[in-house]
Amino acid sequence: MALFKKRTVGKPGEWFYCLEHKKVEEGPECPAKDRFGPYATRQEAERAMQTAADRNLEWDTDPKWHDRAGRPDDTE
């Protein structure tokens, strides 16, 4: 018995952003390793890259995390 069932067809209304083709897809057309999602709306999927950038910036500037030690750009 497989631990994860491979889903070949997406559910209607599931939106993904394909990193390989840089386009929005309804249902998973490309492999999971090449996409973000699912998103509830096409508009959310269209903003996937901006959402990821915003989250990365938020995490990078979160004062509760101090894991920058040892990085080349570390100024402390």
Protein backbone atom coordinates (compact mmCIF):
# COMPACT_ATOMS: atom_id res chain seq x y z
CA MET A 1 0.00 0.00 0.00
CA ALA A 2 1.41 3.36 -1.01
CA LEU A 3 1.88 5.98 1.65
CA PHE A 4 0.80 8.76 -0.68
CA LYS A 5 -1.65 8.26 -3.50
CA LYS A 6 -0.56 9.98 -6.71
CA ARG A 7 -3.32 12.24 -7.89
CA THR A 8 -3.35 12.68 -11.65
CA VAL A 9 -6.38 14.94 -11.96
CA GLY A 10 -6.95 18.11 -9.99
CA LYS A 11 -10.14 19.11 -8.33
CA PRO A 12 -12.15 21.83 -10.06
CA GLY A 13 -11.35 25.15 -8.49
CA GLU A 14 -7.82 24.23 -7.38
CA TRP A 15 -5.26 26.62 -8.81
CA PHE A 16 -1.50 26.18 -8.98
CA TYR A 17 1.45 28.26 -10.12
CA CYS A 18 3.94 26.29 -12.24
CA LEU A 19 7.52 27.35 -11.53
CA GLU A 20 8.83 25.62 -14.65
CA HIS A 21 6.43 27.24 -17.15
CA LYS A 22 5.75 30.38 -15.08
CA LYS A 23 2.01 30.09 -15.56
CA VAL A 24 -1.18 29.47 -13.62
CA GLU A 25 -2.84 26.07 -13.98
CA GLU A 26 -6.24 24.82 -12.90
CA GLY A 27 -5.60 21.45 -11.35
CA PRO A 28 -2.10 20.03 -11.13
CA GLU A 29 -0.76 19.74 -14.65
CA CYS A 30 2.94 19.73 -13.76
CA PRO A 31 4.80 17.66 -11.12
CA ALA A 32 4.51 18.79 -7.51
CA LYS A 33 8.20 19.69 -7.38
CA ASP A 34 7.56 22.38 -10.02
CA ARG A 35 4.53 24.14 -8.56
CA PHE A 36 3.11 26.18 -5.70
CA GLY A 37 -0.42 25.57 -4.51
CA PRO A 38 -3.20 24.74 -4.35
CA TYR A 39 -4.77 28.17 -4.15
CA ALA A 40 -8.48 28.88 -3.83
CA THR A 41 -8.59 31.37 -6.70
CA ARG A 42 -6.77 32.08 -9.94
CA GLN A 43 -5.81 35.51 -8.60
CA GLU A 44 -4.08 33.97 -5.56
CA ALA A 45 -2.13 31.64 -7.86
CA GLU A 46 -1.13 34.58 -10.07
CA ARG A 47 0.40 36.25 -7.00
CA ALA A 48 2.25 33.11 -5.87
CA MET A 49 5.74 34.47 -6.49
CA GLN A 50 4.98 37.77 -4.74
CA THR A 51 3.41 35.90 -1.82
CA ALA A 52 6.55 33.75 -1.50
CA ALA A 53 8.80 36.83 -1.65
CA ASP A 54 6.71 38.60 1.01
CA ARG A 55 6.85 35.56 3.30
CA ASN A 56 10.59 35.15 2.81
CA LEU A 57 11.16 38.81 3.70
CA GLU A 58 8.94 38.47 6.76
CA TRP A 59 10.84 35.38 7.94
CA ASP A 60 14.26 36.93 7.18
CA THR A 61 13.44 39.99 9.28
CA ASP A 62 11.66 38.19 12.14
CA PRO A 63 13.52 39.16 15.34
CA LYS A 64 12.59 35.83 16.95
CA TRP A 65 14.88 33.95 14.54
CA HIS A 66 18.63 34.31 14.91
CA ASP A 67 19.92 31.71 12.48
CA ARG A 68 22.01 34.13 10.40
CA ALA A 69 25.25 33.30 12.23
CA GLY A 70 27.85 31.85 9.92
CA ARG A 71 26.43 33.32 6.74
CA PRO A 72 28.87 35.36 4.61
CA ASP A 73 26.68 38.49 4.85
CA ASP A 74 26.53 38.27 8.66
CA THR A 75 27.47 41.67 10.15
CA GLU A 76 27.30 40.74 13.84
